[in-house]
N, C-alpha and C. Protein backbone atom coordinates (compact mmCIF):
# COMPACT_ATOMS: atom_id res chain seq x y z
N UNK A 1 119.24 53.21 98.47
CA UNK A 1 119.66 54.42 99.24
C UNK A 1 120.74 54.76 99.38
N UNK A 2 121.55 54.79 97.98
CA UNK A 2 122.28 54.98 97.30
C UNK A 2 122.68 56.56 98.07
N UNK A 3 122.09 57.03 97.91
CA UNK A 3 121.53 58.84 97.89
C UNK A 3 122.57 58.94 99.60
N UNK A 4 121.78 57.98 100.38
CA UNK A 4 122.60 58.22 101.86
C UNK A 4 123.83 58.03 101.98
N UNK A 5 124.45 57.05 101.26
CA UNK A 5 125.74 56.88 101.38
C UNK A 5 126.35 58.16 100.40
N UNK A 6 125.90 58.65 99.61
CA UNK A 6 126.54 59.89 99.08
C UNK A 6 126.15 61.49 100.04
N UNK A 7 125.39 61.71 100.41
CA UNK A 7 125.34 62.40 101.45
C UNK A 7 126.27 62.24 102.51
N UNK A 8 126.27 60.97 103.49
CA UNK A 8 127.12 60.92 104.77
C UNK A 8 128.80 61.10 103.94
N UNK A 9 129.01 60.43 103.25
CA UNK A 9 130.23 60.79 102.87
C UNK A 9 130.88 62.39 102.33
N UNK A 10 129.79 63.39 101.72
CA UNK A 10 129.70 64.91 101.62
C UNK A 10 129.61 65.73 102.79
N UNK A 11 128.76 64.26 103.81
CA UNK A 11 129.25 65.58 104.84
C UNK A 11 130.00 65.02 105.79
N UNK A 12 130.88 63.96 106.13
CA UNK A 12 132.47 63.57 106.74
C UNK A 12 133.29 64.72 106.14
N UNK A 13 133.38 64.90 104.72
CA UNK A 13 134.19 65.48 103.71
C UNK A 13 133.91 66.66 104.04
N UNK A 14 133.22 67.56 104.73
CA UNK A 14 132.58 68.68 104.49
C UNK A 14 133.92 69.51 104.71
N UNK A 15 134.46 71.02 104.15
CA UNK A 15 135.52 71.83 104.73
C UNK A 15 136.23 71.44 103.78
N UNK A 16 136.47 71.21 102.51
CA UNK A 16 136.98 70.92 101.22
C UNK A 16 138.28 70.33 101.25
N UNK A 17 138.08 69.33 102.65
CA UNK A 17 138.84 68.49 101.81
C UNK A 17 138.35 66.61 102.20
N UNK A 18 139.22 66.16 100.72
CA UNK A 18 139.07 64.73 100.90
C UNK A 18 138.91 63.67 102.15
N UNK A 19 137.65 62.93 102.11
CA UNK A 19 138.00 61.77 102.79
C UNK A 19 138.78 61.27 103.54
N UNK A 20 139.77 60.95 102.37
CA UNK A 20 141.07 60.19 103.40
C UNK A 20 141.70 61.06 104.32
N UNK A 21 141.77 62.97 103.87
CA UNK A 21 142.19 63.33 104.52
C UNK A 21 141.27 63.39 105.78
N UNK A 22 140.04 63.77 106.26
CA UNK A 22 139.34 63.97 106.86
C UNK A 22 139.55 62.84 108.59
N UNK A 23 139.69 61.23 107.99
CA UNK A 23 139.69 60.13 108.62
C UNK A 23 141.30 59.83 108.94
N UNK A 24 142.41 61.03 108.32
CA UNK A 24 143.49 60.22 109.21
C UNK A 24 143.61 62.01 110.02
N UNK A 25 142.35 63.38 110.15
CA UNK A 25 142.66 64.31 110.87
C UNK A 25 141.30 64.02 111.94
N UNK A 26 140.62 63.04 111.53
CA UNK A 26 139.31 62.63 112.66
C UNK A 26 139.52 61.21 112.72
N UNK A 27 139.37 60.83 114.10
CA UNK A 27 139.14 59.85 114.75
C UNK A 27 137.75 59.43 114.13
N UNK A 28 136.76 58.46 114.61
CA UNK A 28 135.77 57.95 114.58
C UNK A 28 134.81 58.86 115.03
N UNK A 29 135.03 58.29 115.94
CA UNK A 29 134.19 59.09 117.59
C UNK A 29 134.28 61.04 116.72
N UNK A 30 135.16 62.00 116.40
CA UNK A 30 135.08 62.71 115.93
C UNK A 30 134.09 63.04 114.75
N UNK A 31 134.22 62.22 114.04
CA UNK A 31 133.62 61.98 112.61
C UNK A 31 132.38 61.90 113.14
N UNK A 32 132.34 61.36 114.30
CA UNK A 32 129.99 60.98 114.17
C UNK A 32 129.96 62.47 114.52
N UNK A 33 130.53 62.74 115.60
CA UNK A 33 129.95 64.50 115.97
C UNK A 33 130.19 65.22 115.15
N UNK A 34 130.58 65.45 114.01
CA UNK A 34 130.47 65.92 113.27
C UNK A 34 129.61 65.97 112.09
N UNK A 35 129.33 64.53 111.82
CA UNK A 35 128.85 64.27 110.68
C UNK A 35 127.11 64.07 111.63
N UNK A 36 127.21 63.76 112.72
CA UNK A 36 125.27 64.15 113.86
C UNK A 36 125.07 65.58 113.64
N UNK A 37 126.12 66.43 114.13
CA UNK A 37 125.78 68.17 114.07
C UNK A 37 125.36 68.20 113.41
N UNK A 38 126.06 68.14 111.56
CA UNK A 38 125.85 68.46 110.47
C UNK A 38 124.35 67.47 110.01
N UNK A 39 123.86 66.71 110.02
CA UNK A 39 122.63 66.24 109.73
C UNK A 39 121.55 66.84 110.70
N UNK A 40 122.22 66.81 112.10
CA UNK A 40 120.71 67.45 113.08
C UNK A 40 120.67 68.51 113.54
N UNK A 41 121.59 69.36 113.67
CA UNK A 41 121.91 70.70 114.07
C UNK A 41 122.37 70.77 115.42
N UNK A 42 122.45 69.35 116.42
CA UNK A 42 121.73 69.16 117.44
C UNK A 42 123.85 68.13 117.97
N UNK A 43 123.54 68.37 119.30
CA UNK A 43 124.44 67.30 119.22
C UNK A 43 124.08 65.68 119.96
N UNK A 44 124.93 64.48 119.38
CA UNK A 44 124.24 63.33 120.16
C UNK A 44 123.86 63.81 122.11
N UNK A 45 122.77 63.32 121.89
CA UNK A 45 122.14 63.78 123.36
C UNK A 45 122.07 62.29 124.31
N UNK A 46 122.15 62.13 125.29
CA UNK A 46 121.91 61.22 126.44
C UNK A 46 121.47 59.89 126.13
N UNK A 47 120.17 60.21 125.42
CA UNK A 47 118.81 59.90 124.89
C UNK A 47 119.59 58.39 123.39
N UNK A 48 121.07 59.10 122.85
CA UNK A 48 120.97 58.91 121.86
C UNK A 48 122.87 58.03 122.24
N UNK A 49 122.67 57.50 123.17
CA UNK A 49 124.03 57.61 123.20
C UNK A 49 124.40 55.86 123.24
N UNK A 50 123.38 55.01 122.26
CA UNK A 50 123.40 53.53 121.98
C UNK A 50 124.99 53.89 121.02
N UNK A 51 123.77 54.88 119.89
CA UNK A 51 125.09 54.99 118.95
C UNK A 51 126.32 55.53 118.38
N UNK A 52 126.48 56.44 119.72
CA UNK A 52 127.86 56.93 120.14
C UNK A 52 128.53 55.45 120.52
N UNK A 53 127.71 54.89 121.70
CA UNK A 53 128.83 53.88 122.47
C UNK A 53 129.26 52.93 121.43
N UNK A 54 128.38 52.45 120.60
CA UNK A 54 128.65 51.75 119.37
C UNK A 54 130.20 52.22 118.78
N UNK A 55 130.26 53.75 118.67
CA UNK A 55 131.25 54.50 117.39
C UNK A 55 132.25 54.16 118.60
N UNK A 56 132.40 54.35 119.44
CA UNK A 56 133.42 54.73 120.90
C UNK A 56 133.77 53.09 120.98
N UNK A 57 132.91 52.21 120.85
CA UNK A 57 133.34 50.97 121.03
C UNK A 57 134.02 50.29 120.21
N UNK A 58 133.71 50.71 118.68
CA UNK A 58 134.64 50.41 117.67
C UNK A 58 133.86 49.10 116.90
N UNK A 59 132.30 48.88 116.91
CA UNK A 59 131.43 48.32 116.49
C UNK A 59 130.87 48.88 115.04
N UNK A 60 131.06 49.85 115.76
CA UNK A 60 129.97 50.46 114.40
C UNK A 60 130.75 52.19 113.63
N UNK A 61 131.16 51.81 112.50
CA UNK A 61 132.04 53.13 111.86
C UNK A 61 131.19 54.41 112.02
N UNK A 62 131.15 55.84 112.05
CA UNK A 62 130.57 57.21 112.19
C UNK A 62 129.96 57.02 110.28
N UNK A 63 129.94 56.48 109.62
CA UNK A 63 129.65 56.50 108.40
C UNK A 63 128.45 55.79 108.33
N UNK A 64 128.83 54.87 108.90
CA UNK A 64 127.33 53.68 109.35
C UNK A 64 126.30 54.47 110.59
N UNK A 65 126.40 54.82 111.34
CA UNK A 65 125.88 55.58 112.63
C UNK A 65 125.09 56.73 112.11
N UNK A 66 126.31 57.06 111.09
CA UNK A 66 125.88 58.81 109.96
C UNK A 66 124.38 58.09 109.35
N UNK A 67 124.95 57.13 108.76
CA UNK A 67 123.97 56.57 107.85
C UNK A 67 122.45 55.98 108.67
N UNK A 68 122.77 55.66 109.57
CA UNK A 68 121.69 55.14 110.49
C UNK A 68 120.47 56.34 110.68
N UNK A 69 121.67 57.48 111.63
CA UNK A 69 120.62 58.71 112.01
C UNK A 69 119.71 59.11 110.16
N UNK A 70 120.33 59.10 109.43
CA UNK A 70 119.51 59.79 108.12
C UNK A 70 118.39 59.30 107.58
N UNK A 71 118.60 57.53 108.37
CA UNK A 71 117.35 56.90 107.17
C UNK A 71 116.26 56.96 108.23
N UNK A 72 116.15 57.73 109.83
CA UNK A 72 115.41 58.23 110.56
C UNK A 72 113.72 58.93 109.31
N UNK A 73 115.14 59.83 108.97
CA UNK A 73 114.41 60.13 108.40
C UNK A 73 113.25 60.03 106.78
N UNK A 74 113.40 58.59 106.77
CA UNK A 74 112.52 58.12 105.60
C UNK A 74 111.22 58.46 105.46
N UNK A 75 110.72 59.20 104.30
CA UNK A 75 109.05 59.37 104.21
C UNK A 75 108.57 57.95 104.01
N UNK A 76 108.38 57.25 105.25
CA UNK A 76 107.46 55.67 105.04
C UNK A 76 105.92 55.95 105.73
N UNK A 77 105.77 57.16 106.31
CA UNK A 77 104.43 56.88 107.25
C UNK A 77 103.26 57.32 105.98
N UNK A 78 102.31 57.34 106.06
CA UNK A 78 101.20 58.22 105.20
C UNK A 78 101.10 58.20 104.19
N UNK A 79 101.64 56.89 103.30
CA UNK A 79 101.85 57.03 101.67
C UNK A 79 102.89 57.56 100.99
N UNK A 80 104.15 57.71 102.49
CA UNK A 80 105.31 58.00 101.47
C UNK A 80 105.55 59.26 101.86
N UNK A 81 104.54 59.93 102.65
CA UNK A 81 104.64 61.28 102.97
C UNK A 81 105.54 62.17 103.68
N UNK A 82 105.47 61.40 105.17
CA UNK A 82 105.75 61.76 106.13
C UNK A 82 107.05 61.29 107.01
N UNK A 83 107.28 61.37 107.60
CA UNK A 83 108.53 60.40 108.29
C UNK A 83 107.61 59.30 109.47
N UNK A 84 108.42 58.60 109.71
CA UNK A 84 107.69 57.55 110.57
C UNK A 84 107.12 58.16 111.81
N UNK A 85 107.74 58.70 112.67
CA UNK A 85 108.23 59.39 114.01
C UNK A 85 108.19 60.83 114.19
N UNK A 86 106.66 61.23 114.06
CA UNK A 86 107.08 62.74 113.90
C UNK A 86 107.35 63.52 115.13
N UNK A 87 107.56 62.61 116.26
CA UNK A 87 107.94 63.25 117.33
C UNK A 87 109.24 62.92 117.67
N UNK A 88 109.81 62.23 117.00
CA UNK A 88 111.55 62.06 117.24
C UNK A 88 112.02 62.96 116.55
N UNK A 89 113.13 64.27 117.59
CA UNK A 89 113.60 65.32 117.08
C UNK A 89 114.52 65.61 115.94
N UNK A 90 115.47 64.07 115.76
CA UNK A 90 116.59 63.70 115.28
C UNK A 90 115.91 63.56 113.81
N UNK A 91 114.26 62.53 113.73
CA UNK A 91 114.59 62.75 112.29
C UNK A 91 113.23 63.86 111.35
N UNK A 92 112.95 64.77 112.55
CA UNK A 92 112.55 65.65 112.43
C UNK A 92 113.77 66.72 112.08
N UNK A 93 114.83 67.13 112.62
CA UNK A 93 115.90 67.73 112.42
C UNK A 93 116.77 67.42 111.12
N UNK A 94 116.87 66.15 110.85
CA UNK A 94 117.10 65.69 109.76
C UNK A 94 116.78 65.99 107.92
N UNK A 95 115.16 65.99 108.60
CA UNK A 95 114.69 66.05 107.10
C UNK A 95 115.08 67.83 107.28
N UNK A 96 114.77 68.70 108.49
CA UNK A 96 114.70 69.90 107.96
C UNK A 96 115.84 70.08 107.73
N UNK A 97 116.78 69.85 108.11
CA UNK A 97 118.26 70.31 107.48
C UNK A 97 118.56 69.55 106.26
N UNK A 98 118.04 68.62 105.54
CA UNK A 98 118.29 68.28 104.42
C UNK A 98 117.56 68.91 103.51
N UNK A 99 116.55 69.41 103.74
CA UNK A 99 115.35 70.51 102.96
C UNK A 99 116.07 71.68 102.99
N UNK A 100 116.67 72.43 103.85
CA UNK A 100 117.38 73.50 104.24
C UNK A 100 118.31 73.40 103.10
N UNK A 101 119.44 72.16 103.13
CA UNK A 101 120.53 71.95 102.16
C UNK A 101 119.92 72.18 101.31
N UNK A 102 119.09 71.58 100.28
CA UNK A 102 118.43 71.52 98.95
C UNK A 102 118.03 72.53 98.70
N UNK A 103 117.22 73.43 99.71
CA UNK A 103 116.65 75.01 98.81
C UNK A 103 117.80 75.87 98.60
N UNK A 104 119.35 75.84 99.66
CA UNK A 104 120.06 76.46 99.32
C UNK A 104 120.51 76.23 97.89
N UNK A 105 120.21 75.37 96.87
CA UNK A 105 120.52 75.09 95.74
C UNK A 105 120.09 76.29 94.88
N UNK A 106 118.42 76.41 95.38
CA UNK A 106 118.26 77.44 94.38
C UNK A 106 118.36 78.95 94.65
N UNK A 107 118.73 80.28 93.92
CA UNK A 107 118.83 80.78 94.68
C UNK A 107 117.33 82.03 94.30
N UNK A 108 116.53 82.05 93.34
CA UNK A 108 115.66 83.00 93.28
C UNK A 108 114.37 82.08 93.97
N UNK A 109 113.90 83.13 95.03
CA UNK A 109 112.37 82.39 95.87
C UNK A 109 112.03 83.60 95.35
N UNK A 110 111.77 84.37 94.13
CA UNK A 110 110.82 85.60 94.22
C UNK A 110 110.24 85.61 92.90
N UNK A 111 109.42 84.15 93.04
CA UNK A 111 109.57 83.99 91.46
C UNK A 111 108.20 84.21 91.59
N UNK A 112 107.69 84.67 92.19
CA UNK A 112 105.72 85.17 91.93
C UNK A 112 105.59 86.99 92.43
N UNK A 113 106.18 87.16 91.42
CA UNK A 113 105.90 89.00 90.72
C UNK A 113 105.30 88.70 89.53
N UNK A 114 104.85 90.20 90.18
CA UNK A 114 103.69 90.62 88.63
C UNK A 114 104.80 91.22 88.06
N UNK A 115 103.99 91.57 86.53
CA UNK A 115 104.59 92.03 85.50
C UNK A 115 105.78 93.10 85.86
N UNK A 116 105.50 94.45 86.58
CA UNK A 116 105.80 95.33 87.06
C UNK A 116 106.84 94.92 88.27
N UNK A 117 107.49 93.87 88.41
CA UNK A 117 108.11 93.21 89.60
C UNK A 117 108.48 93.35 91.02
N UNK A 118 107.04 93.81 91.08
CA UNK A 118 107.13 93.44 92.52
C UNK A 118 106.42 92.18 92.71
N UNK A 119 106.56 91.78 94.22
CA UNK A 119 105.96 91.00 94.42
C UNK A 119 104.74 90.89 94.67
N UNK A 120 103.83 89.62 94.19
CA UNK A 120 102.72 89.07 93.72
C UNK A 120 102.35 88.61 95.31
N UNK A 121 101.87 89.61 96.10
CA UNK A 121 101.62 88.66 97.44
C UNK A 121 100.34 87.50 97.32
N UNK A 122 99.63 87.46 96.52
CA UNK A 122 98.69 86.60 96.16
C UNK A 122 99.36 85.42 95.88
N UNK A 123 99.84 84.92 95.01
CA UNK A 123 100.95 84.19 94.60
C UNK A 123 101.70 83.63 95.07
N UNK A 124 102.36 84.47 95.94
CA UNK A 124 103.40 84.09 97.04
C UNK A 124 102.81 83.61 98.29
N UNK A 125 101.46 83.50 98.17
CA UNK A 125 100.67 82.51 99.55
C UNK A 125 100.35 81.24 98.62
N UNK A 126 100.36 81.29 97.30
CA UNK A 126 100.04 80.18 96.32
C UNK A 126 101.19 79.34 96.11
N UNK A 127 101.77 79.63 95.89
CA UNK A 127 103.18 78.88 95.22
C UNK A 127 104.30 79.11 96.12
N UNK A 128 104.29 77.47 96.71
CA UNK A 128 105.60 77.55 97.36
C UNK A 128 107.08 77.37 96.76
N UNK A 129 107.78 78.80 97.09
CA UNK A 129 109.47 79.17 95.92
C UNK A 129 110.12 77.79 96.67
N UNK A 130 109.87 76.80 97.56
CA UNK A 130 111.04 75.97 97.90
C UNK A 130 110.38 74.69 97.20
N UNK A 131 109.55 74.42 96.31
CA UNK A 131 108.80 73.10 96.05
C UNK A 131 110.37 72.53 95.29
N UNK A 132 110.83 73.29 94.48
CA UNK A 132 111.76 72.39 93.81
C UNK A 132 112.49 71.33 95.15
N UNK A 133 113.35 72.21 95.97
CA UNK A 133 113.65 71.08 97.44
C UNK A 133 113.07 70.26 97.76
N UNK A 134 111.54 70.86 97.67
CA UNK A 134 110.47 69.07 98.15
C UNK A 134 111.02 68.15 97.39
N UNK A 135 111.18 67.63 95.83
CA UNK A 135 111.13 67.28 95.34
C UNK A 135 113.00 66.11 95.55
N UNK A 136 113.77 67.30 95.53
CA UNK A 136 114.96 66.54 95.85
C UNK A 136 115.07 65.83 97.38
N UNK A 137 114.67 66.54 98.34
CA UNK A 137 114.79 65.93 99.67
C UNK A 137 113.62 64.53 99.67
N UNK A 138 112.28 64.70 99.11
CA UNK A 138 111.51 63.45 98.91
C UNK A 138 112.42 62.65 97.92
N UNK A 139 113.00 62.94 97.35
CA UNK A 139 113.63 61.83 96.14
C UNK A 139 114.86 60.88 97.26
N UNK A 140 115.91 61.56 98.10
CA UNK A 140 116.43 61.25 98.98
C UNK A 140 115.98 60.47 100.23
N UNK A 141 114.92 60.81 100.87
CA UNK A 141 113.96 59.65 101.62
C UNK A 141 113.07 58.70 101.44
N UNK A 142 112.96 58.49 100.22
CA UNK A 142 111.93 57.61 99.67
C UNK A 142 112.33 56.84 98.87
N UNK A 143 112.81 55.73 99.15
CA UNK A 143 113.77 54.25 98.57
C UNK A 143 112.77 53.92 97.11
N UNK A 144 111.68 54.07 97.11
CA UNK A 144 110.73 53.67 95.45
C UNK A 144 110.71 54.62 94.93
N UNK A 145 111.04 56.13 94.83
CA UNK A 145 111.60 56.61 93.87
C UNK A 145 113.09 56.85 93.18
N UNK A 146 113.30 56.95 92.35
CA UNK A 146 114.47 57.79 91.63
C UNK A 146 114.36 58.59 91.37
N UNK A 147 115.87 59.55 90.86
CA UNK A 147 116.64 60.65 91.24
C UNK A 147 115.62 61.53 90.22
N UNK A 148 115.45 60.78 88.40
CA UNK A 148 114.78 61.59 87.85
C UNK A 148 113.70 61.12 88.03
N UNK A 149 113.06 61.19 89.08
CA UNK A 149 111.14 61.33 89.18
C UNK A 149 111.40 62.79 89.61
N UNK A 150 112.35 63.99 89.74
CA UNK A 150 112.74 64.84 90.24
C UNK A 150 111.63 65.88 89.52
N UNK A 151 112.74 65.69 88.40
CA UNK A 151 112.46 66.34 86.60
C UNK A 151 111.35 65.91 85.72
N UNK A 152 110.98 64.66 86.10
CA UNK A 152 109.85 63.76 85.03
C UNK A 152 108.35 63.68 86.06
N UNK A 153 108.81 63.75 86.94
CA UNK A 153 107.39 64.31 87.83
C UNK A 153 106.13 64.93 87.63
N UNK A 154 105.00 64.63 87.57
CA UNK A 154 103.46 65.71 86.78
C UNK A 154 103.22 66.03 88.04
N UNK A 155 103.58 65.48 89.43
CA UNK A 155 101.95 66.05 90.57
C UNK A 155 102.79 67.16 91.55
N UNK A 156 102.16 68.36 91.76
CA UNK A 156 102.95 68.98 92.43
C UNK A 156 102.87 68.50 94.36
N UNK A 157 104.45 69.35 94.41
CA UNK A 157 104.02 68.65 95.95
C UNK A 157 103.99 70.01 97.04
N UNK A 158 103.49 69.97 98.01
CA UNK A 158 103.23 70.92 99.22
C UNK A 158 104.23 70.82 100.58
N UNK A 159 104.87 71.52 100.69
CA UNK A 159 105.54 71.09 102.33
C UNK A 159 104.61 70.89 103.52
N UNK A 160 104.70 70.00 104.29
CA UNK A 160 103.83 69.94 105.74
C UNK A 160 104.86 71.06 106.90
N UNK A 161 104.14 71.85 106.94
CA UNK A 161 105.16 72.79 108.15
C UNK A 161 104.79 71.98 109.62
N UNK A 162 105.77 72.75 110.29
CA UNK A 162 105.99 72.95 111.98
C UNK A 162 105.07 71.73 112.19
N UNK A 163 103.34 72.51 111.91
CA UNK A 163 102.32 72.17 112.85
C UNK A 163 102.01 70.87 112.37
N UNK A 164 102.69 70.20 111.09
CA UNK A 164 102.11 69.16 110.50
C UNK A 164 101.02 69.68 109.53
N UNK A 165 100.58 70.70 108.98
CA UNK A 165 99.45 71.14 108.94
C UNK A 165 99.65 71.87 107.41
N UNK A 166 99.31 71.12 105.90
CA UNK A 166 100.31 71.51 104.86
C UNK A 166 99.16 73.14 104.30
N UNK A 167 100.07 73.49 103.74
CA UNK A 167 100.51 74.73 103.37
C UNK A 167 98.67 74.61 102.24
N UNK A 168 97.43 75.89 102.65
CA UNK A 168 96.61 75.69 102.11
C UNK A 168 96.92 75.50 100.65
N UNK A 169 95.38 75.03 100.12
CA UNK A 169 95.76 74.51 98.62
C UNK A 169 95.02 75.55 97.61
N UNK A 170 96.20 75.53 95.82
CA UNK A 170 95.27 77.34 95.43
C UNK A 170 94.08 77.32 95.58
N UNK A 171 93.81 77.86 95.81
CA UNK A 171 92.27 78.38 95.33
C UNK A 171 92.24 78.61 93.43
N UNK A 172 90.57 77.77 93.61
CA UNK A 172 90.48 78.08 92.03
C UNK A 172 89.22 78.89 91.32
N UNK A 173 89.16 79.78 90.41
CA UNK A 173 87.76 80.15 89.94
C UNK A 173 86.93 79.45 89.70
N UNK A 174 85.61 79.83 89.63
CA UNK A 174 84.74 78.43 89.37
C UNK A 174 84.17 79.62 88.50
């Protein structure tokens, strides 16, 4: 899971500074708060005092603690299509944050247009405009996939929404 290390490094270096500058400006606890906040969109809660306490005690680095939080979102359940604990708010938020981050790389979300340039609602209901981001997020959180699987895959992906129900499959004419 080399990508977890890369993502952790990027989050700690957020703000246009190098990791060396960040490590000089922030202590380990501050770096953990920053990283944790970026990947979960939450502050460490009382329930997650274990990681925070380890960072405060100096037994775990901020980078290692953040990588541990990222690993909670590994897609290991249901044949690698779901996070192991769907009720863990950290895991759900990490998955959502990384998917949102990946979706921000793709600006054109109105590809379901008809020839006159208007949005074709029928196609918009069938095609998920965030599917490219789904491939990136899946690659980040599945250890059995290579990064090249993002562009070499032959199977489409469908997002599982908040109620854990997938989007309806495409309707085919008979």
